Amino acid sequence: MVSIDEKGNITVYSGDDDTITLQYSPARDISSYSLRFTVKPYNSVTTDDSDALLETDPSDVVFTDSGTIAVIPINVSSNRIPAGTYKFDIQNVNVDGKVHTYHSGKFIVTNDVTKRTS
């Protein structure tokens, strides 16, 4: 289960598969956006993604409601990171290579009480 606090920090359980949604207000078609969700060590000072621990490929983002809502996978079984506090951002990289950051904050991964073994 994803929890987003009043500051926009995201908390997930380590073994869960989670998504978040992005939508403008008022709604507009964003289906052509190349959205990236990236998680890095909290103390990272790099300006590129060379030390990214988790990156969502833009092709994994699903658009719904006539392209007005983006569903972004943020915690998936193919790439689990250990429990801890990290930092994240959500960006759009347009066809000209220009970057727009929508949001950034802490990404907190907590341990599950029960782990699925199969």
N, C-alpha and C. Protein backbone atom coordinates (compact mmCIF):
# COMPACT_ATOMS: atom_id res chain seq x y z
N MET A 1 0.83 -1.18 0.00
CA MET A 1 0.00 0.00 0.00
C MET A 1 0.87 1.25 0.00
N VAL A 2 0.55 2.17 -0.84
CA VAL A 2 1.27 3.44 -0.93
C VAL A 2 0.64 4.43 0.02
N SER A 3 1.49 5.16 0.72
CA SER A 3 1.03 6.25 1.57
C SER A 3 1.79 7.50 1.16
N ILE A 4 1.06 8.59 0.94
CA ILE A 4 1.69 9.87 0.60
C ILE A 4 1.29 10.86 1.68
N ASP A 5 2.30 11.42 2.37
CA ASP A 5 2.00 12.33 3.48
C ASP A 5 1.76 13.75 2.98
N GLU A 6 1.48 14.66 3.90
CA GLU A 6 1.14 16.05 3.56
C GLU A 6 2.26 16.80 2.86
N LYS A 7 3.49 16.32 2.99
CA LYS A 7 4.64 16.94 2.31
C LYS A 7 4.92 16.30 0.95
N GLY A 8 4.15 15.25 0.61
CA GLY A 8 4.35 14.57 -0.65
C GLY A 8 5.37 13.45 -0.60
N ASN A 9 5.84 13.10 0.60
CA ASN A 9 6.75 11.98 0.74
C ASN A 9 5.97 10.68 0.56
N ILE A 10 6.60 9.69 -0.06
CA ILE A 10 5.95 8.43 -0.38
C ILE A 10 6.50 7.33 0.52
N THR A 11 5.61 6.52 1.10
CA THR A 11 6.00 5.35 1.88
C THR A 11 5.37 4.12 1.24
N VAL A 12 6.20 3.06 1.06
CA VAL A 12 5.73 1.79 0.51
C VAL A 12 6.23 0.66 1.39
N TYR A 13 5.57 -0.50 1.30
CA TYR A 13 6.07 -1.72 1.93
C TYR A 13 6.98 -2.42 0.93
N SER A 14 8.07 -2.98 1.42
CA SER A 14 9.10 -3.52 0.55
C SER A 14 8.60 -4.60 -0.40
N GLY A 15 7.65 -5.42 0.00
CA GLY A 15 7.20 -6.52 -0.84
C GLY A 15 5.97 -6.24 -1.67
N ASP A 16 5.43 -5.04 -1.61
CA ASP A 16 4.21 -4.71 -2.35
C ASP A 16 4.53 -4.18 -3.74
N ASP A 17 3.62 -4.41 -4.68
CA ASP A 17 3.70 -3.81 -6.01
C ASP A 17 2.78 -2.59 -5.98
N ASP A 18 3.36 -1.41 -6.22
CA ASP A 18 2.60 -0.17 -6.05
C ASP A 18 2.70 0.74 -7.26
N THR A 19 1.67 1.59 -7.40
CA THR A 19 1.64 2.62 -8.42
C THR A 19 1.17 3.93 -7.79
N ILE A 20 1.48 5.02 -8.46
CA ILE A 20 0.90 6.31 -8.11
C ILE A 20 0.32 6.90 -9.38
N THR A 21 -0.55 7.89 -9.24
CA THR A 21 -1.15 8.52 -10.41
C THR A 21 -0.76 9.99 -10.48
N LEU A 22 -0.68 10.47 -11.70
CA LEU A 22 -0.38 11.88 -11.96
C LEU A 22 -1.49 12.42 -12.84
N GLN A 23 -2.07 13.55 -12.43
CA GLN A 23 -3.12 14.19 -13.22
C GLN A 23 -3.08 15.68 -12.95
N TYR A 24 -3.21 16.46 -14.00
CA TYR A 24 -3.28 17.91 -13.85
C TYR A 24 -4.69 18.33 -13.47
N SER A 25 -4.80 19.51 -12.88
CA SER A 25 -6.10 20.10 -12.59
C SER A 25 -6.09 21.51 -13.17
N PRO A 26 -6.93 21.81 -14.14
CA PRO A 26 -7.90 20.93 -14.77
C PRO A 26 -7.20 19.86 -15.61
N ALA A 27 -7.93 18.76 -15.83
CA ALA A 27 -7.38 17.62 -16.56
C ALA A 27 -7.03 18.01 -17.99
N ARG A 28 -5.92 17.44 -18.48
CA ARG A 28 -5.53 17.61 -19.88
C ARG A 28 -4.82 16.34 -20.35
N ASP A 29 -4.76 16.15 -21.64
CA ASP A 29 -4.15 14.95 -22.20
C ASP A 29 -2.63 15.01 -21.99
N ILE A 30 -2.10 14.02 -21.28
CA ILE A 30 -0.66 13.94 -21.03
C ILE A 30 -0.08 12.64 -21.60
N SER A 31 -0.83 11.97 -22.45
CA SER A 31 -0.42 10.65 -22.95
C SER A 31 0.85 10.69 -23.80
N SER A 32 1.25 11.85 -24.26
CA SER A 32 2.49 11.94 -25.05
C SER A 32 3.70 12.20 -24.16
N TYR A 33 3.50 12.35 -22.86
CA TYR A 33 4.60 12.64 -21.94
C TYR A 33 5.49 11.41 -21.73
N SER A 34 6.76 11.65 -21.57
CA SER A 34 7.73 10.60 -21.26
C SER A 34 8.07 10.72 -19.77
N LEU A 35 7.27 10.07 -18.94
CA LEU A 35 7.37 10.23 -17.49
C LEU A 35 8.38 9.25 -16.90
N ARG A 36 9.20 9.75 -16.00
CA ARG A 36 10.21 8.95 -15.32
C ARG A 36 10.08 9.14 -13.81
N PHE A 37 10.08 8.02 -13.11
CA PHE A 37 10.10 8.01 -11.65
C PHE A 37 11.44 7.41 -11.26
N THR A 38 12.23 8.16 -10.49
CA THR A 38 13.58 7.73 -10.14
C THR A 38 13.77 7.81 -8.63
N VAL A 39 14.40 6.77 -8.06
CA VAL A 39 14.74 6.73 -6.64
C VAL A 39 16.26 6.61 -6.53
N LYS A 40 16.84 7.46 -5.67
CA LYS A 40 18.28 7.47 -5.44
C LYS A 40 18.56 7.41 -3.94
N PRO A 41 19.81 7.07 -3.58
CA PRO A 41 20.16 7.15 -2.16
C PRO A 41 19.87 8.56 -1.63
N TYR A 42 19.46 8.63 -0.38
CA TYR A 42 19.05 9.92 0.19
C TYR A 42 20.19 10.94 0.17
N ASN A 43 21.42 10.47 0.33
CA ASN A 43 22.56 11.40 0.37
C ASN A 43 23.21 11.60 -0.98
N SER A 44 22.58 11.16 -2.06
CA SER A 44 23.15 11.29 -3.40
C SER A 44 23.29 12.76 -3.79
N VAL A 45 24.40 13.08 -4.42
CA VAL A 45 24.63 14.43 -4.91
C VAL A 45 24.82 14.45 -6.43
N THR A 46 24.65 13.28 -7.07
CA THR A 46 24.81 13.23 -8.52
C THR A 46 23.66 13.96 -9.19
N THR A 47 23.94 14.54 -10.34
CA THR A 47 22.89 15.23 -11.10
C THR A 47 22.40 14.39 -12.26
N ASP A 48 22.99 13.22 -12.44
CA ASP A 48 22.46 12.28 -13.42
C ASP A 48 21.85 11.10 -12.67
N ASP A 49 21.49 10.06 -13.37
CA ASP A 49 20.86 8.92 -12.72
C ASP A 49 21.81 7.73 -12.57
N SER A 50 23.11 8.00 -12.57
CA SER A 50 24.09 6.92 -12.50
C SER A 50 24.00 6.10 -11.22
N ASP A 51 23.50 6.68 -10.16
CA ASP A 51 23.36 5.93 -8.90
C ASP A 51 21.90 5.62 -8.56
N ALA A 52 21.02 5.68 -9.55
CA ALA A 52 19.60 5.38 -9.32
C ALA A 52 19.44 3.94 -8.87
N LEU A 53 18.62 3.74 -7.85
CA LEU A 53 18.33 2.41 -7.34
C LEU A 53 17.08 1.83 -7.98
N LEU A 54 16.20 2.70 -8.42
CA LEU A 54 14.95 2.30 -9.04
C LEU A 54 14.59 3.36 -10.07
N GLU A 55 14.29 2.93 -11.27
CA GLU A 55 13.86 3.83 -12.34
C GLU A 55 12.68 3.21 -13.06
N THR A 56 11.64 3.97 -13.28
CA THR A 56 10.51 3.50 -14.06
C THR A 56 10.75 3.87 -15.51
N ASP A 57 10.72 2.88 -16.37
CA ASP A 57 10.85 3.12 -17.80
C ASP A 57 9.58 3.82 -18.27
N PRO A 58 9.69 4.88 -19.07
CA PRO A 58 8.48 5.57 -19.54
C PRO A 58 7.50 4.65 -20.25
N SER A 59 7.98 3.58 -20.87
CA SER A 59 7.07 2.66 -21.56
C SER A 59 6.23 1.83 -20.59
N ASP A 60 6.58 1.84 -19.30
CA ASP A 60 5.80 1.12 -18.29
C ASP A 60 4.67 1.97 -17.70
N VAL A 61 4.63 3.24 -18.03
CA VAL A 61 3.58 4.13 -17.55
C VAL A 61 2.32 3.90 -18.40
N VAL A 62 1.19 3.75 -17.72
CA VAL A 62 -0.09 3.50 -18.40
C VAL A 62 -0.95 4.76 -18.28
N PHE A 63 -1.55 5.18 -19.39
CA PHE A 63 -2.41 6.35 -19.40
C PHE A 63 -3.86 5.90 -19.49
N THR A 64 -4.72 6.52 -18.65
CA THR A 64 -6.14 6.19 -18.61
C THR A 64 -6.97 7.46 -18.76
N ASP A 65 -8.26 7.31 -18.78
CA ASP A 65 -9.21 8.43 -18.89
C ASP A 65 -8.83 9.39 -20.02
N SER A 66 -8.77 8.83 -21.22
CA SER A 66 -8.44 9.60 -22.43
C SER A 66 -7.09 10.30 -22.32
N GLY A 67 -6.15 9.65 -21.64
CA GLY A 67 -4.80 10.18 -21.53
C GLY A 67 -4.60 11.25 -20.48
N THR A 68 -5.60 11.46 -19.61
CA THR A 68 -5.49 12.53 -18.61
C THR A 68 -4.89 12.07 -17.29
N ILE A 69 -4.79 10.75 -17.10
CA ILE A 69 -4.22 10.20 -15.87
C ILE A 69 -3.08 9.27 -16.24
N ALA A 70 -1.92 9.47 -15.61
CA ALA A 70 -0.78 8.58 -15.78
C ALA A 70 -0.67 7.70 -14.55
N VAL A 71 -0.59 6.39 -14.75
CA VAL A 71 -0.41 5.42 -13.67
C VAL A 71 1.05 4.97 -13.75
N ILE A 72 1.81 5.32 -12.72
CA ILE A 72 3.26 5.12 -12.73
C ILE A 72 3.64 4.03 -11.73
N PRO A 73 4.27 2.95 -12.20
CA PRO A 73 4.74 1.92 -11.25
C PRO A 73 5.93 2.47 -10.45
N ILE A 74 5.85 2.33 -9.13
CA ILE A 74 6.92 2.90 -8.29
C ILE A 74 7.61 1.88 -7.41
N ASN A 75 7.07 0.70 -7.30
CA ASN A 75 7.64 -0.34 -6.44
C ASN A 75 7.21 -1.66 -7.05
N VAL A 76 8.12 -2.32 -7.76
CA VAL A 76 7.75 -3.51 -8.51
C VAL A 76 8.63 -4.69 -8.14
N SER A 77 8.09 -5.89 -8.31
CA SER A 77 8.80 -7.10 -7.90
C SER A 77 10.09 -7.31 -8.67
N SER A 78 10.21 -6.76 -9.86
CA SER A 78 11.43 -6.95 -10.65
C SER A 78 12.61 -6.14 -10.12
N ASN A 79 12.34 -5.21 -9.22
CA ASN A 79 13.42 -4.40 -8.66
C ASN A 79 13.05 -3.93 -7.26
N ARG A 80 13.37 -4.73 -6.26
CA ARG A 80 13.10 -4.37 -4.87
C ARG A 80 14.34 -3.72 -4.27
N ILE A 81 14.14 -2.64 -3.54
CA ILE A 81 15.25 -2.02 -2.83
C ILE A 81 15.06 -2.23 -1.34
N PRO A 82 16.14 -2.29 -0.59
CA PRO A 82 16.05 -2.57 0.85
C PRO A 82 15.27 -1.48 1.59
N ALA A 83 14.75 -1.87 2.75
CA ALA A 83 14.07 -0.89 3.61
C ALA A 83 15.03 0.26 3.91
N GLY A 84 14.51 1.47 3.92
CA GLY A 84 15.33 2.65 4.20
C GLY A 84 14.66 3.90 3.68
N THR A 85 15.34 5.02 3.82
CA THR A 85 14.84 6.30 3.35
C THR A 85 15.70 6.76 2.19
N TYR A 86 15.05 7.06 1.08
CA TYR A 86 15.69 7.46 -0.16
C TYR A 86 15.08 8.79 -0.61
N LYS A 87 15.47 9.26 -1.79
CA LYS A 87 14.81 10.43 -2.37
C LYS A 87 14.33 10.06 -3.77
N PHE A 88 13.26 10.72 -4.23
CA PHE A 88 12.68 10.42 -5.53
C PHE A 88 12.34 11.69 -6.27
N ASP A 89 12.15 11.55 -7.57
CA ASP A 89 11.52 12.62 -8.35
C ASP A 89 10.72 12.00 -9.48
N ILE A 90 9.77 12.79 -9.96
CA ILE A 90 8.95 12.43 -11.11
C ILE A 90 9.21 13.52 -12.15
N GLN A 91 9.67 13.11 -13.32
CA GLN A 91 10.01 14.07 -14.36
C GLN A 91 9.40 13.69 -15.70
N ASN A 92 9.20 14.71 -16.53
CA ASN A 92 8.84 14.51 -17.93
C ASN A 92 10.02 15.01 -18.75
N VAL A 93 10.47 14.17 -19.68
CA VAL A 93 11.52 14.57 -20.61
C VAL A 93 10.85 14.67 -21.97
N ASN A 94 10.80 15.89 -22.54
CA ASN A 94 10.10 16.05 -23.82
C ASN A 94 11.01 15.66 -24.98
N VAL A 95 10.48 15.71 -26.19
CA VAL A 95 11.22 15.27 -27.38
C VAL A 95 12.47 16.11 -27.63
N ASP A 96 12.51 17.33 -27.11
CA ASP A 96 13.68 18.19 -27.26
C ASP A 96 14.70 17.97 -26.14
N GLY A 97 14.41 17.02 -25.23
CA GLY A 97 15.33 16.73 -24.14
C GLY A 97 15.17 17.65 -22.94
N LYS A 98 14.17 18.53 -22.98
CA LYS A 98 13.93 19.43 -21.85
C LYS A 98 13.24 18.66 -20.73
N VAL A 99 13.66 18.94 -19.50
CA VAL A 99 13.16 18.22 -18.33
C VAL A 99 12.27 19.13 -17.50
N HIS A 100 11.14 18.58 -17.07
CA HIS A 100 10.26 19.27 -16.13
C HIS A 100 10.03 18.34 -14.95
N THR A 101 10.42 18.79 -13.75
CA THR A 101 10.22 17.99 -12.55
C THR A 101 8.86 18.34 -11.95
N TYR A 102 8.01 17.33 -11.79
CA TYR A 102 6.69 17.54 -11.21
C TYR A 102 6.74 17.53 -9.69
N HIS A 103 7.52 16.61 -9.16
CA HIS A 103 7.54 16.48 -7.71
C HIS A 103 8.78 15.72 -7.29
N SER A 104 9.25 16.01 -6.08
CA SER A 104 10.35 15.25 -5.49
C SER A 104 10.14 15.21 -3.99
N GLY A 105 10.78 14.25 -3.34
CA GLY A 105 10.64 14.13 -1.90
C GLY A 105 11.31 12.87 -1.40
N LYS A 106 10.94 12.46 -0.20
CA LYS A 106 11.48 11.25 0.39
C LYS A 106 10.70 10.04 -0.11
N PHE A 107 11.41 8.94 -0.33
CA PHE A 107 10.82 7.66 -0.69
C PHE A 107 11.22 6.69 0.41
N ILE A 108 10.24 6.30 1.21
CA ILE A 108 10.51 5.49 2.40
C ILE A 108 10.01 4.08 2.16
N VAL A 109 10.92 3.12 2.29
CA VAL A 109 10.58 1.71 2.12
C VAL A 109 10.60 1.07 3.49
N THR A 110 9.48 0.48 3.90
CA THR A 110 9.40 -0.19 5.19
C THR A 110 9.29 -1.69 4.97
N ASN A 111 9.78 -2.47 5.93
CA ASN A 111 9.72 -3.93 5.83
C ASN A 111 8.29 -4.42 6.02
N ASP A 112 7.96 -5.50 5.33
CA ASP A 112 6.70 -6.19 5.54
C ASP A 112 6.80 -7.02 6.82
N VAL A 113 5.67 -7.31 7.42
CA VAL A 113 5.64 -8.24 8.55
C VAL A 113 5.74 -9.66 8.02
N THR A 114 5.04 -9.92 6.91
CA THR A 114 5.03 -11.24 6.29
C THR A 114 5.58 -11.13 4.88
N LYS A 115 6.48 -12.03 4.52
CA LYS A 115 7.03 -12.06 3.16
C LYS A 115 6.44 -13.26 2.42
N ARG A 116 6.04 -13.02 1.19
CA ARG A 116 5.55 -14.11 0.34
C ARG A 116 6.75 -14.91 -0.15
N THR A 117 6.68 -16.21 -0.07
CA THR A 117 7.80 -17.05 -0.45
C THR A 117 7.63 -17.72 -1.79
N SER A 118 6.49 -17.61 -2.40
CA SER A 118 6.31 -18.24 -3.72
C SER A 118 5.56 -17.34 -4.67
